[in-house]
Amino acid sequence: MQPNRPARPAPRTDPRAAAQQARMAASLAGAVDLAAVQARNEAAARAQAAPPPSAAAPVGAPGSAVVDVDEATFQSEVLDRSFQVPVVLDLWAEWCGPCKQLSPVLERLAAEGGGTWVLAKIDVDANPALAQGLRVQGIPAVKAVWQGQLVTEFTGAIPEEQARQFITELVAATSGGALPGAEDGDGAEPEDPRLDAAEAALDAGDLAGAEAAYRSILDTEPDHPVAGLALRQVQLFRRAEEAGPNALAAAEAAPDDVAAQTRAADFLLGTGDVDAAFAWLLDVVRRTAGEDRDLARTHLIDLFGIVGDDDPRVAPARRALMAALF
């Protein structure tokens, strides 16, 4: 969970609501699930057992800094490898002229990188399921994966200088450097008196007031470093409270109602069962298609963002989602 999060709501008059909010706050604070940690460690161990990336290895060979990837090798060459170094996906096709301009640039940069990152080339015509799962809208498409998660991307051919900057910032960020646009200093939350009203509302258990306060901040500063995530968290508190324990029974009674399934997942997350909330929507993704599947996928990704990528339960769920989409 990211350190800048809203204060936890104080107990409310209804003891059930108070217990629910307390459990939700505890889960969002990043309680550790040992099974998820083990899964994450196993993936990292597989990556460490693999040959380290090397610019000297032939293209496509184990440990190469440039590798051709298909559906069969995506897990090992992209997801597992991304626990070792960042992996940049180059999604291309033989008929794509701009791809032929960008791909050699990326290959040259990968060679220059000396194994600090891996370029994974994916032919979208030969691997349509991968292209669909990665939501490729146009090519060339470049997407960066770090520790099993998509972290940044761009579409279209860009000049070599911009491509080099993209790679430089990615490697710096994933090696402990500051993310682009991050603050200098010790990372402490900047003082912002506008947050006082929202935090006071949370202290009083007034979720509607807190939501209004955070919205007011975002109306004037859409990129506020705290208010955006805080608003999403408060909205989850409200959805979970409104759904109530009947949400599970309602979802089980209407398995084809995706809205009912998302309410059930919200309630599960609200009661602190993060793994069950993720698993509930993963099941929906696996057994649906088209718009229903996309709604479930989008809602699950939103829950990932609310819990926070620092929570050890998120990365395994993201990998499970990617596998389910393929």
C-alpha atoms as a PDB file:
ATOM      1  CA  MET A   1       0.000   0.000   0.000  1.00  0.00           C
ATOM      2  CA  GLN A   2       1.310   3.437  -0.762  1.00  0.00           C
ATOM      3  CA  PRO A   3       2.248   5.492   2.292  1.00  0.00           C
ATOM      4  CA  ASN A   4       0.041   8.439   1.349  1.00  0.00           C
ATOM      5  CA  ARG A   5      -3.412   7.140   2.165  1.00  0.00           C
ATOM      6  CA  PRO A   6      -6.414   8.684   3.895  1.00  0.00           C
ATOM      7  CA  ALA A   7      -6.806   8.377   7.629  1.00  0.00           C
ATOM      8  CA  ARG A   8      -8.866   5.386   8.693  1.00  0.00           C
ATOM      9  CA  PRO A   9     -12.464   6.158   9.528  1.00  0.00           C
ATOM     10  CA  ALA A  10     -13.320   6.170  13.214  1.00  0.00           C
ATOM     11  CA  PRO A  11     -15.969   3.721  14.499  1.00  0.00           C
ATOM     12  CA  ARG A  12     -19.502   4.627  13.524  1.00  0.00           C
ATOM     13  CA  THR A  13     -22.768   4.289  15.437  1.00  0.00           C
ATOM     14  CA  ASP A  14     -23.649   0.949  13.802  1.00  0.00           C
ATOM     15  CA  PRO A  15     -21.183  -1.581  15.319  1.00  0.00           C
ATOM     16  CA  ARG A  16     -21.352  -3.768  12.224  1.00  0.00           C
ATOM     17  CA  ALA A  17     -20.361  -0.847  10.020  1.00  0.00           C
ATOM     18  CA  ALA A  18     -17.572   0.029  12.427  1.00  0.00           C
ATOM     19  CA  ALA A  19     -16.225  -3.514  12.347  1.00  0.00           C
ATOM     20  CA  GLN A  20     -16.454  -3.637   8.574  1.00  0.00           C
ATOM     21  CA  GLN A  21     -14.573  -0.355   8.176  1.00  0.00           C
ATOM     22  CA  ALA A  22     -11.903  -1.375  10.634  1.00  0.00           C
ATOM     23  CA  ARG A  23     -11.316  -4.636   8.783  1.00  0.00           C
ATOM     24  CA  MET A  24     -11.232  -2.826   5.453  1.00  0.00           C
ATOM     25  CA  ALA A  25      -8.745  -0.274   6.742  1.00  0.00           C
ATOM     26  CA  ALA A  26      -6.540  -3.050   8.058  1.00  0.00           C
ATOM     27  CA  SER A  27      -6.591  -4.857   4.722  1.00  0.00           C
ATOM     28  CA  LEU A  28      -5.833  -1.699   2.771  1.00  0.00           C
ATOM     29  CA  ALA A  29      -2.931  -0.990   5.104  1.00  0.00           C
ATOM     30  CA  GLY A  30      -1.186  -4.008   3.541  1.00  0.00           C
ATOM     31  CA  ALA A  31      -1.595  -7.026   5.842  1.00  0.00           C
ATOM     32  CA  VAL A  32       0.679  -9.786   4.548  1.00  0.00           C
ATOM     33  CA  ASP A  33      -0.744 -12.991   3.044  1.00  0.00           C
ATOM     34  CA  LEU A  34       1.879 -15.745   3.314  1.00  0.00           C
ATOM     35  CA  ALA A  35       0.562 -17.750   0.345  1.00  0.00           C
ATOM     36  CA  ALA A  36       0.833 -14.706  -1.918  1.00  0.00           C
ATOM     37  CA  VAL A  37       4.323 -13.979  -0.662  1.00  0.00           C
ATOM     38  CA  GLN A  38       5.320 -17.571  -1.398  1.00  0.00           C
ATOM     39  CA  ALA A  39       3.950 -17.362  -4.950  1.00  0.00           C
ATOM     40  CA  ARG A  40       5.833 -14.125  -5.503  1.00  0.00           C
ATOM     41  CA  ASN A  41       9.044 -15.637  -4.142  1.00  0.00           C
ATOM     42  CA  GLU A  42       8.688 -18.674  -6.394  1.00  0.00           C
ATOM     43  CA  ALA A  43       8.366 -16.476  -9.470  1.00  0.00           C
ATOM     44  CA  ALA A  44      11.389 -14.451  -8.382  1.00  0.00           C
ATOM     45  CA  ALA A  45      13.318 -17.674  -7.757  1.00  0.00           C
ATOM     46  CA  ARG A  46      12.571 -18.913 -11.268  1.00  0.00           C
ATOM     47  CA  ALA A  47      13.900 -15.638 -12.647  1.00  0.00           C
ATOM     48  CA  GLN A  48      17.069 -15.808 -10.573  1.00  0.00           C
ATOM     49  CA  ALA A  49      17.671 -19.386 -11.718  1.00  0.00           C
ATOM     50  CA  ALA A  50      17.535 -18.279 -15.351  1.00  0.00           C
ATOM     51  CA  PRO A  51      20.660 -17.000 -17.114  1.00  0.00           C
ATOM     52  CA  PRO A  52      21.179 -13.284 -16.516  1.00  0.00           C
ATOM     53  CA  PRO A  53      20.460 -11.126 -19.573  1.00  0.00           C
ATOM     54  CA  SER A  54      23.487 -10.592 -21.748  1.00  0.00           C
ATOM     55  CA  ALA A  55      24.014  -8.440 -24.809  1.00  0.00           C
ATOM     56  CA  ALA A  56      26.589 -10.994 -26.008  1.00  0.00           C
ATOM     57  CA  ALA A  57      24.121 -13.891 -26.226  1.00  0.00           C
ATOM     58  CA  PRO A  58      22.575 -14.485 -29.666  1.00  0.00           C
ATOM     59  CA  VAL A  59      19.100 -13.073 -30.189  1.00  0.00           C
ATOM     60  CA  GLY A  60      16.532 -15.554 -28.917  1.00  0.00           C
ATOM     61  CA  ALA A  61      19.037 -17.598 -26.895  1.00  0.00           C
ATOM     62  CA  PRO A  62      18.494 -18.119 -23.136  1.00  0.00           C
ATOM     63  CA  GLY A  63      19.718 -15.039 -21.333  1.00  0.00           C
ATOM     64  CA  SER A  64      19.729 -12.851 -24.419  1.00  0.00           C
ATOM     65  CA  ALA A  65      18.947  -9.160 -23.986  1.00  0.00           C
ATOM     66  CA  VAL A  66      16.713  -9.508 -27.074  1.00  0.00           C
ATOM     67  CA  VAL A  67      14.324 -12.448 -27.255  1.00  0.00           C
ATOM     68  CA  ASP A  68      11.416 -13.498 -29.448  1.00  0.00           C
ATOM     69  CA  VAL A  69       8.390 -14.354 -27.299  1.00  0.00           C
ATOM     70  CA  ASP A  70       5.221 -16.322 -27.988  1.00  0.00           C
ATOM     71  CA  GLU A  71       2.351 -17.578 -25.846  1.00  0.00           C
ATOM     72  CA  ALA A  72       4.351 -20.591 -24.688  1.00  0.00           C
ATOM     73  CA  THR A  73       7.323 -18.546 -23.471  1.00  0.00           C
ATOM     74  CA  PHE A  74       5.536 -15.433 -22.198  1.00  0.00           C
ATOM     75  CA  GLN A  75       5.470 -16.643 -18.573  1.00  0.00           C
ATOM     76  CA  SER A  76       9.173 -17.472 -18.399  1.00  0.00           C
ATOM     77  CA  GLU A  77      10.646 -14.806 -20.684  1.00  0.00           C
ATOM     78  CA  VAL A  78       8.436 -11.892 -19.637  1.00  0.00           C
ATOM     79  CA  LEU A  79       6.616 -12.380 -16.333  1.00  0.00           C
ATOM     80  CA  ASP A  80       9.261 -14.403 -14.498  1.00  0.00           C
ATOM     81  CA  ARG A  81      12.162 -12.509 -16.082  1.00  0.00           C
ATOM     82  CA  SER A  82      10.620  -9.199 -15.013  1.00  0.00           C
ATOM     83  CA  PHE A  83      11.503 -10.061 -11.405  1.00  0.00           C
ATOM     84  CA  GLN A  84      15.137  -9.905 -12.493  1.00  0.00           C
ATOM     85  CA  VAL A  85      15.205  -6.875 -14.802  1.00  0.00           C
ATOM     86  CA  PRO A  86      12.557  -4.747 -16.524  1.00  0.00           C
ATOM     87  CA  VAL A  87      11.212  -6.329 -19.702  1.00  0.00           C
ATOM     88  CA  VAL A  88      10.202  -4.110 -22.619  1.00  0.00           C
ATOM     89  CA  LEU A  89       7.650  -5.627 -25.002  1.00  0.00           C
ATOM     90  CA  ASP A  90       8.007  -4.699 -28.668  1.00  0.00           C
ATOM     91  CA  LEU A  91       4.690  -5.625 -30.316  1.00  0.00           C
ATOM     92  CA  TRP A  92       5.112  -5.638 -34.083  1.00  0.00           C
ATOM     93  CA  ALA A  93       4.044  -7.254 -37.364  1.00  0.00           C
ATOM     94  CA  GLU A  94       5.831  -7.954 -40.617  1.00  0.00           C
ATOM     95  CA  TRP A  95       3.552  -5.657 -42.622  1.00  0.00           C
ATOM     96  CA  CYS A  96       4.039  -2.694 -40.237  1.00  0.00           C
ATOM     97  CA  GLY A  97       6.373  -0.069 -41.709  1.00  0.00           C
ATOM     98  CA  PRO A  98       6.800   2.004 -38.507  1.00  0.00           C
ATOM     99  CA  CYS A  99       7.635  -1.223 -36.653  1.00  0.00           C
ATOM    100  CA  LYS A 100      10.603  -1.716 -38.955  1.00  0.00           C
ATOM    101  CA  GLN A 101      11.818   1.754 -37.991  1.00  0.00           C
ATOM    102  CA  LEU A 102      11.409   1.340 -34.230  1.00  0.00           C
ATOM    103  CA  SER A 103      12.444  -2.291 -33.680  1.00  0.00           C
ATOM    104  CA  PRO A 104      16.099  -1.867 -34.770  1.00  0.00           C
ATOM    105  CA  VAL A 105      16.377   1.150 -32.456  1.00  0.00           C
ATOM    106  CA  LEU A 106      15.097  -0.875 -29.499  1.00  0.00           C
ATOM    107  CA  GLU A 107      17.379  -3.796 -30.356  1.00  0.00           C
ATOM    108  CA  ARG A 108      20.395  -1.484 -30.487  1.00  0.00           C
ATOM    109  CA  LEU A 109      19.450   0.081 -27.139  1.00  0.00           C
ATOM    110  CA  ALA A 110      19.033  -3.380 -25.608  1.00  0.00           C
ATOM    111  CA  ALA A 111      22.511  -4.331 -26.774  1.00  0.00           C
ATOM    112  CA  GLU A 112      23.897  -1.111 -25.320  1.00  0.00           C
ATOM    113  CA  GLY A 113      22.075  -1.826 -22.068  1.00  0.00           C
ATOM    114  CA  GLY A 114      24.375  -4.720 -21.296  1.00  0.00           C
ATOM    115  CA  GLY A 115      21.689  -6.832 -19.664  1.00  0.00           C
ATOM    116  CA  THR A 116      20.108  -4.101 -17.505  1.00  0.00           C
ATOM    117  CA  TRP A 117      16.820  -4.754 -19.330  1.00  0.00           C
ATOM    118  CA  VAL A 118      15.356  -7.250 -21.775  1.00  0.00           C
ATOM    119  CA  LEU A 119      13.642  -6.566 -25.084  1.00  0.00           C
ATOM    120  CA  ALA A 120      10.886  -9.127 -25.740  1.00  0.00           C
ATOM    121  CA  LYS A 121       9.656  -9.066 -29.335  1.00  0.00           C
ATOM    122  CA  ILE A 122       6.088 -10.269 -29.968  1.00  0.00           C
ATOM    123  CA  ASP A 123       4.686 -10.762 -33.466  1.00  0.00           C
ATOM    124  CA  VAL A 124       1.029  -9.788 -32.980  1.00  0.00           C
ATOM    125  CA  ASP A 125      -0.095 -11.725 -36.072  1.00  0.00           C
ATOM    126  CA  ALA A 126       1.465 -14.936 -34.791  1.00  0.00           C
ATOM    127  CA  ASN A 127       0.280 -14.321 -31.213  1.00  0.00           C
ATOM    128  CA  PRO A 128      -3.212 -12.774 -31.367  1.00  0.00           C
ATOM    129  CA  ALA A 129      -4.138 -13.927 -27.863  1.00  0.00           C
ATOM    130  CA  LEU A 130      -1.158 -12.082 -26.411  1.00  0.00           C
ATOM    131  CA  ALA A 131      -2.050  -8.961 -28.377  1.00  0.00           C
ATOM    132  CA  GLN A 132      -5.631  -9.153 -27.132  1.00  0.00           C
ATOM    133  CA  GLY A 133      -4.616  -9.792 -23.529  1.00  0.00           C
ATOM    134  CA  LEU A 134      -2.228  -6.858 -23.641  1.00  0.00           C
ATOM    135  CA  ARG A 135      -4.974  -4.681 -25.158  1.00  0.00           C
ATOM    136  CA  VAL A 136      -2.918  -3.640 -28.158  1.00  0.00           C
ATOM    137  CA  GLN A 137      -4.772  -0.894 -30.024  1.00  0.00           C
ATOM    138  CA  GLY A 138      -2.141  -0.175 -32.644  1.00  0.00           C
ATOM    139  CA  ILE A 139       1.430  -1.051 -33.558  1.00  0.00           C
ATOM    140  CA  PRO A 140       4.216  -0.559 -32.972  1.00  0.00           C
ATOM    141  CA  ALA A 141       3.255  -0.793 -29.303  1.00  0.00           C
ATOM    142  CA  VAL A 142       5.852  -0.778 -26.528  1.00  0.00           C
ATOM    143  CA  LYS A 143       4.939  -1.866 -23.008  1.00  0.00           C
ATOM    144  CA  ALA A 144       7.233  -2.241 -20.001  1.00  0.00           C
ATOM    145  CA  VAL A 145       6.790  -5.037 -17.443  1.00  0.00           C
ATOM    146  CA  TRP A 146       8.383  -4.956 -14.000  1.00  0.00           C
ATOM    147  CA  GLN A 147       7.813  -7.617 -11.317  1.00  0.00           C
ATOM    148  CA  GLY A 148       4.928  -9.091 -13.254  1.00  0.00           C
ATOM    149  CA  GLN A 149       3.108  -5.817 -13.837  1.00  0.00           C
ATOM    150  CA  LEU A 150       2.684  -3.448 -16.768  1.00  0.00           C
ATOM    151  CA  VAL A 151       4.209  -0.182 -15.587  1.00  0.00           C
ATOM    152  CA  THR A 152       4.417   2.135 -18.599  1.00  0.00           C
ATOM    153  CA  GLU A 153       3.881   2.102 -22.366  1.00  0.00           C
ATOM    154  CA  PHE A 154       3.667   4.081 -25.608  1.00  0.00           C
ATOM    155  CA  THR A 155       2.291   3.484 -29.096  1.00  0.00           C
ATOM    156  CA  GLY A 156       3.800   4.455 -32.426  1.00  0.00           C
ATOM    157  CA  ALA A 157       7.302   4.930 -33.744  1.00  0.00           C
ATOM    158  CA  ILE A 158       9.266   7.596 -31.890  1.00  0.00           C
ATOM    159  CA  PRO A 159      12.709   9.116 -32.502  1.00  0.00           C
ATOM    160  CA  GLU A 160      15.707   7.292 -31.061  1.00  0.00           C
ATOM    161  CA  GLU A 161      16.330  10.102 -28.553  1.00  0.00           C
ATOM    162  CA  GLN A 162      12.842   9.669 -27.077  1.00  0.00           C
ATOM    163  CA  ALA A 163      13.172   5.877 -27.052  1.00  0.00           C
ATOM    164  CA  ARG A 164      16.485   6.186 -25.229  1.00  0.00           C
ATOM    165  CA  GLN A 165      14.918   8.507 -22.656  1.00  0.00           C
ATOM    166  CA  PHE A 166      12.041   6.052 -22.155  1.00  0.00           C
ATOM    167  CA  ILE A 167      14.483   3.209 -21.453  1.00  0.00           C
ATOM    168  CA  THR A 168      16.739   5.339 -19.260  1.00  0.00           C
ATOM    169  CA  GLU A 169      13.861   6.417 -17.034  1.00  0.00           C
ATOM    170  CA  LEU A 170      12.507   2.860 -16.847  1.00  0.00           C
ATOM    171  CA  VAL A 171      15.845   1.375 -15.780  1.00  0.00           C
ATOM    172  CA  ALA A 172      16.435   4.180 -13.261  1.00  0.00           C
ATOM    173  CA  ALA A 173      12.974   3.761 -11.732  1.00  0.00           C
ATOM    174  CA  THR A 174      13.214  -0.022 -11.424  1.00  0.00           C
ATOM    175  CA  SER A 175      16.722   0.105  -9.980  1.00  0.00           C
ATOM    176  CA  GLY A 176      15.689   2.239  -7.049  1.00  0.00           C
ATOM    177  CA  GLY A 177      15.891   5.628  -8.719  1.00  0.00           C
ATOM    178  CA  ALA A 178      13.108   8.170  -8.517  1.00  0.00           C
ATOM    179  CA  LEU A 179      10.143   7.738 -10.790  1.00  0.00           C
ATOM    180  CA  PRO A 180       9.737  10.467 -13.414  1.00  0.00           C
ATOM    181  CA  GLY A 181       8.139  13.436 -11.752  1.00  0.00           C
ATOM    182  CA  ALA A 182       8.724  12.141  -8.215  1.00  0.00           C
ATOM    183  CA  GLU A 183       9.593  14.581  -5.450  1.00  0.00           C
ATOM    184  CA  ASP A 184      13.060  15.038  -4.088  1.00  0.00           C
ATOM    185  CA  GLY A 185      13.665  14.610  -0.420  1.00  0.00           C
ATOM    186  CA  ASP A 186      12.599  11.927   2.022  1.00  0.00           C
ATOM    187  CA  GLY A 187       9.272  11.164   0.319  1.00  0.00           C
ATOM    188  CA  ALA A 188       7.196  12.651   3.099  1.00  0.00           C
ATOM    189  CA  GLU A 189       3.712  13.761   2.179  1.00  0.00           C
ATOM    190  CA  PRO A 190       3.691  17.499   1.470  1.00  0.00           C
ATOM    191  CA  GLU A 191       1.648  19.657   3.765  1.00  0.00           C
ATOM    192  CA  ASP A 192      -1.723  20.469   2.225  1.00  0.00           C
ATOM    193  CA  PRO A 193      -4.360  22.199   4.367  1.00  0.00           C
ATOM    194  CA  ARG A 194      -7.046  21.175   1.863  1.00  0.00           C
ATOM    195  CA  LEU A 195      -6.732  17.625   3.127  1.00  0.00           C
ATOM    196  CA  ASP A 196      -7.805  18.674   6.628  1.00  0.00           C
ATOM    197  CA  ALA A 197     -11.515  18.732   5.780  1.00  0.00           C
ATOM    198  CA  ALA A 198     -11.376  15.282   4.177  1.00  0.00           C
ATOM    199  CA  GLU A 199      -9.449  13.803   7.082  1.00  0.00           C
ATOM    200  CA  ALA A 200     -11.804  15.402   9.592  1.00  0.00           C
ATOM    201  CA  ALA A 201     -14.750  13.831   7.775  1.00  0.00           C
ATOM    202  CA  LEU A 202     -13.036  10.450   7.858  1.00  0.00           C
ATOM    203  CA  ASP A 203     -12.335  10.853  11.572  1.00  0.00           C
ATOM    204  CA  ALA A 204     -16.056  11.495  12.082  1.00  0.00           C
ATOM    205  CA  GLY A 205     -17.033   8.493   9.943  1.00  0.00           C
ATOM    206  CA  ASP A 206     -18.612  10.798   7.333  1.00  0.00           C
ATOM    207  CA  LEU A 207     -17.670   9.004   4.123  1.00  0.00           C
ATOM    208  CA  ALA A 208     -19.899  11.204   1.944  1.00  0.00           C
ATOM    209  CA  GLY A 209     -18.237  14.316   3.352  1.00  0.00           C
ATOM    210  CA  ALA A 210     -14.776  12.857   2.828  1.00  0.00           C
ATOM    211  CA  GLU A 211     -15.619  11.955  -0.761  1.00  0.00           C
ATOM    212  CA  ALA A 212     -16.886  15.482  -1.427  1.00  0.00           C
ATOM    213  CA  ALA A 213     -13.741  17.001   0.075  1.00  0.00           C
ATOM    214  CA  TYR A 214     -11.401  14.876  -2.026  1.00  0.00           C
ATOM    215  CA  ARG A 215     -13.452  15.614  -5.154  1.00  0.00           C
ATOM    216  CA  SER A 216     -13.144  19.315  -4.421  1.00  0.00           C
ATOM    217  CA  ILE A 217      -9.359  19.020  -4.301  1.00  0.00           C
ATOM    218  CA  LEU A 218      -9.284  17.096  -7.584  1.00  0.00           C
ATOM    219  CA  ASP A 219     -11.548  19.638  -9.272  1.00  0.00           C
ATOM    220  CA  THR A 220      -8.816  22.246  -8.880  1.00  0.00           C
ATOM    221  CA  GLU A 221      -5.785  19.936  -8.991  1.00  0.00           C
ATOM    222  CA  PRO A 222      -6.487  16.729 -10.968  1.00  0.00           C
ATOM    223  CA  ASP A 223      -2.954  15.410 -10.380  1.00  0.00           C
ATOM    224  CA  HIS A 224      -2.912  15.907  -6.609  1.00  0.00           C
ATOM    225  CA  PRO A 225      -0.479  13.295  -5.178  1.00  0.00           C
ATOM    226  CA  VAL A 226      -2.855  12.125  -2.408  1.00  0.00           C
ATOM    227  CA  ALA A 227      -6.448  12.985  -3.256  1.00  0.00           C
ATOM    228  CA  GLY A 228      -6.862  10.696  -6.267  1.00  0.00           C
ATOM    229  CA  LEU A 229      -6.020   7.465  -4.477  1.00  0.00           C
ATOM    230  CA  ALA A 230      -7.760   8.654  -1.315  1.00  0.00           C
ATOM    231  CA  LEU A 231     -10.971   9.273  -3.245  1.00  0.00           C
ATOM    232  CA  ARG A 232     -10.900   5.790  -4.773  1.00  0.00           C
ATOM    233  CA  GLN A 233     -10.393   4.268  -1.333  1.00  0.00           C
ATOM    234  CA  VAL A 234     -13.273   6.214   0.183  1.00  0.00           C
ATOM    235  CA  GLN A 235     -15.487   5.207  -2.731  1.00  0.00           C
ATOM    236  CA  LEU A 236     -14.636   1.581  -2.023  1.00  0.00           C
ATOM    237  CA  PHE A 237     -15.575   2.070   1.634  1.00  0.00           C
ATOM    238  CA  ARG A 238     -18.940   3.411   0.498  1.00  0.00           C
ATOM    239  CA  ARG A 239     -19.579   0.684  -2.096  1.00  0.00           C
ATOM    240  CA  ALA A 240     -18.720  -2.064   0.361  1.00  0.00           C
ATOM    241  CA  GLU A 241     -20.959  -0.579   3.017  1.00  0.00           C
ATOM    242  CA  GLU A 242     -23.842  -0.208   0.562  1.00  0.00           C
ATOM    243  CA  ALA A 243     -23.412  -3.740  -0.808  1.00  0.00           C
ATOM    244  CA  GLY A 244     -23.594  -5.377   2.621  1.00  0.00           C
ATOM    245  CA  PRO A 245     -23.345  -9.122   3.377  1.00  0.00           C
ATOM    246  CA  ASN A 246     -26.297  -9.902   1.085  1.00  0.00           C
ATOM    247  CA  ALA A 247     -24.091  -9.089  -1.895  1.00  0.00           C
ATOM    248  CA  LEU A 248     -22.518 -12.547  -1.853  1.00  0.00           C
ATOM    249  CA  ALA A 249     -25.820 -14.394  -1.927  1.00  0.00           C
ATOM    250  CA  ALA A 250     -27.135 -12.085  -4.633  1.00  0.00           C
ATOM    251  CA  ALA A 251     -24.071 -12.708  -6.782  1.00  0.00           C
ATOM    252  CA  GLU A 252     -24.302 -16.468  -6.333  1.00  0.00           C
ATOM    253  CA  ALA A 253     -27.977 -16.352  -7.337  1.00  0.00           C
ATOM    254  CA  ALA A 254     -27.189 -14.374 -10.504  1.00  0.00           C
ATOM    255  CA  PRO A 255     -23.846 -15.687 -11.830  1.00  0.00           C
ATOM    256  CA  ASP A 256     -24.335 -13.928 -15.186  1.00  0.00           C
ATOM    257  CA  ASP A 257     -24.931 -10.512 -13.579  1.00  0.00           C
ATOM    258  CA  VAL A 258     -21.501  -8.862 -13.718  1.00  0.00           C
ATOM    259  CA  ALA A 259     -22.674  -5.876 -11.684  1.00  0.00           C
ATOM    260  CA  ALA A 260     -23.702  -8.247  -8.899  1.00  0.00           C
ATOM    261  CA  GLN A 261     -20.301  -9.935  -9.103  1.00  0.00           C
ATOM    262  CA  THR A 262     -18.446  -6.629  -8.755  1.00  0.00           C
ATOM    263  CA  ARG A 263     -20.588  -5.690  -5.719  1.00  0.00           C
ATOM    264  CA  ALA A 264     -19.680  -9.011  -4.121  1.00  0.00           C
ATOM    265  CA  ALA A 265     -15.977  -8.369  -4.762  1.00  0.00           C
ATOM    266  CA  ASP A 266     -16.295  -4.890  -3.242  1.00  0.00           C
ATOM    267  CA  PHE A 267     -17.910  -6.363  -0.139  1.00  0.00           C
ATOM    268  CA  LEU A 268     -15.191  -9.007   0.187  1.00  0.00           C
ATOM    269  CA  LEU A 269     -12.471  -6.390  -0.073  1.00  0.00           C
ATOM    270  CA  GLY A 270     -14.390  -4.265   2.418  1.00  0.00           C
ATOM    271  CA  THR A 271     -14.415  -7.085   4.950  1.00  0.00           C
ATOM    272  CA  GLY A 272     -10.665  -7.472   4.586  1.00  0.00           C
ATOM    273  CA  ASP A 273     -10.613 -10.617   2.418  1.00  0.00           C
ATOM    274  CA  VAL A 274      -8.379  -9.261  -0.328  1.00  0.00           C
ATOM    275  CA  ASP A 275      -7.538 -12.639  -1.843  1.00  0.00           C
ATOM    276  CA  ALA A 276     -11.204 -13.674  -2.028  1.00  0.00           C
ATOM    277  CA  ALA A 277     -12.140 -10.378  -3.692  1.00  0.00           C
ATOM    278  CA  PHE A 278      -9.469 -10.857  -6.341  1.00  0.00           C
ATOM    279  CA  ALA A 279     -10.342 -14.543  -6.829  1.00  0.00           C
ATOM    280  CA  TRP A 280     -14.036 -13.727  -7.195  1.00  0.00           C
ATOM    281  CA  LEU A 281     -13.444 -11.409 -10.150  1.00  0.00           C
ATOM    282  CA  LEU A 282     -10.758 -13.635 -11.655  1.00  0.00           C
ATOM    283  CA  ASP A 283     -13.387 -16.370 -11.840  1.00  0.00           C
ATOM    284  CA  VAL A 284     -15.738 -13.980 -13.625  1.00  0.00           C
ATOM    285  CA  VAL A 285     -13.007 -13.066 -16.131  1.00  0.00           C
ATOM    286  CA  ARG A 286     -12.313 -16.750 -16.845  1.00  0.00           C
ATOM    287  CA  ARG A 287     -15.936 -17.702 -17.509  1.00  0.00           C
ATOM    288  CA  THR A 288     -17.151 -14.652 -19.434  1.00  0.00           C
ATOM    289  CA  ALA A 289     -16.387 -13.012 -22.753  1.00  0.00           C
ATOM    290  CA  GLY A 290     -16.850  -9.746 -24.570  1.00  0.00           C
ATOM    291  CA  GLU A 291     -18.220  -6.770 -22.682  1.00  0.00           C
ATOM    292  CA  ASP A 292     -18.910  -8.754 -19.501  1.00  0.00           C
ATOM    293  CA  ARG A 293     -15.326  -9.925 -19.354  1.00  0.00           C
ATOM    294  CA  ASP A 294     -14.035  -6.432 -19.970  1.00  0.00           C
ATOM    295  CA  LEU A 295     -16.203  -5.006 -17.171  1.00  0.00           C
ATOM    296  CA  ALA A 296     -14.920  -7.622 -14.716  1.00  0.00           C
ATOM    297  CA  ARG A 297     -11.317  -7.068 -15.833  1.00  0.00           C
ATOM    298  CA  THR A 298     -11.601  -3.291 -15.497  1.00  0.00           C
ATOM    299  CA  HIS A 299     -13.135  -3.523 -12.030  1.00  0.00           C
ATOM    300  CA  LEU A 300     -10.444  -5.936 -10.880  1.00  0.00           C
ATOM    301  CA  ILE A 301      -7.693  -3.621 -12.117  1.00  0.00           C
ATOM    302  CA  ASP A 302      -9.369  -0.799 -10.192  1.00  0.00           C
ATOM    303  CA  LEU A 303      -9.253  -2.919  -7.028  1.00  0.00           C
ATOM    304  CA  PHE A 304      -5.548  -3.574  -7.644  1.00  0.00           C
ATOM    305  CA  GLY A 305      -4.979   0.186  -7.690  1.00  0.00           C
ATOM    306  CA  ILE A 306      -6.961   0.697  -4.495  1.00  0.00           C
ATOM    307  CA  VAL A 307      -5.064  -1.969  -2.570  1.00  0.00           C
ATOM    308  CA  GLY A 308      -1.754  -0.716  -3.971  1.00  0.00           C
ATOM    309  CA  ASP A 309       1.087  -2.393  -5.827  1.00  0.00           C
ATOM    310  CA  ASP A 310       3.201  -2.543  -2.672  1.00  0.00           C
ATOM    311  CA  ASP A 311       0.764  -5.072  -1.206  1.00  0.00           C
ATOM    312  CA  PRO A 312       2.213  -8.576  -1.843  1.00  0.00           C
ATOM    313  CA  ARG A 313      -1.196  -9.923  -2.855  1.00  0.00           C
ATOM    314  CA  VAL A 314      -1.494  -7.699  -5.907  1.00  0.00           C
ATOM    315  CA  ALA A 315       1.358  -8.981  -8.096  1.00  0.00           C
ATOM    316  CA  PRO A 316       0.211 -12.652  -8.074  1.00  0.00           C
ATOM    317  CA  ALA A 317      -3.336 -11.540  -8.852  1.00  0.00           C
ATOM    318  CA  ARG A 318      -2.117  -9.405 -11.748  1.00  0.00           C
ATOM    319  CA  ARG A 319      -0.249 -12.410 -13.173  1.00  0.00           C
ATOM    320  CA  ALA A 320      -3.339 -14.583 -12.715  1.00  0.00           C
ATOM    321  CA  LEU A 321      -5.400 -11.972 -14.581  1.00  0.00           C
ATOM    322  CA  MET A 322      -2.927 -11.890 -17.447  1.00  0.00           C
ATOM    323  CA  ALA A 323      -2.990 -15.699 -17.619  1.00  0.00           C
ATOM    324  CA  ALA A 324      -6.799 -15.714 -17.562  1.00  0.00           C
ATOM    325  CA  LEU A 325      -6.936 -13.288 -20.479  1.00  0.00           C
ATOM    326  CA  PHE A 326      -4.822 -15.619 -22.599  1.00  0.00           C
END
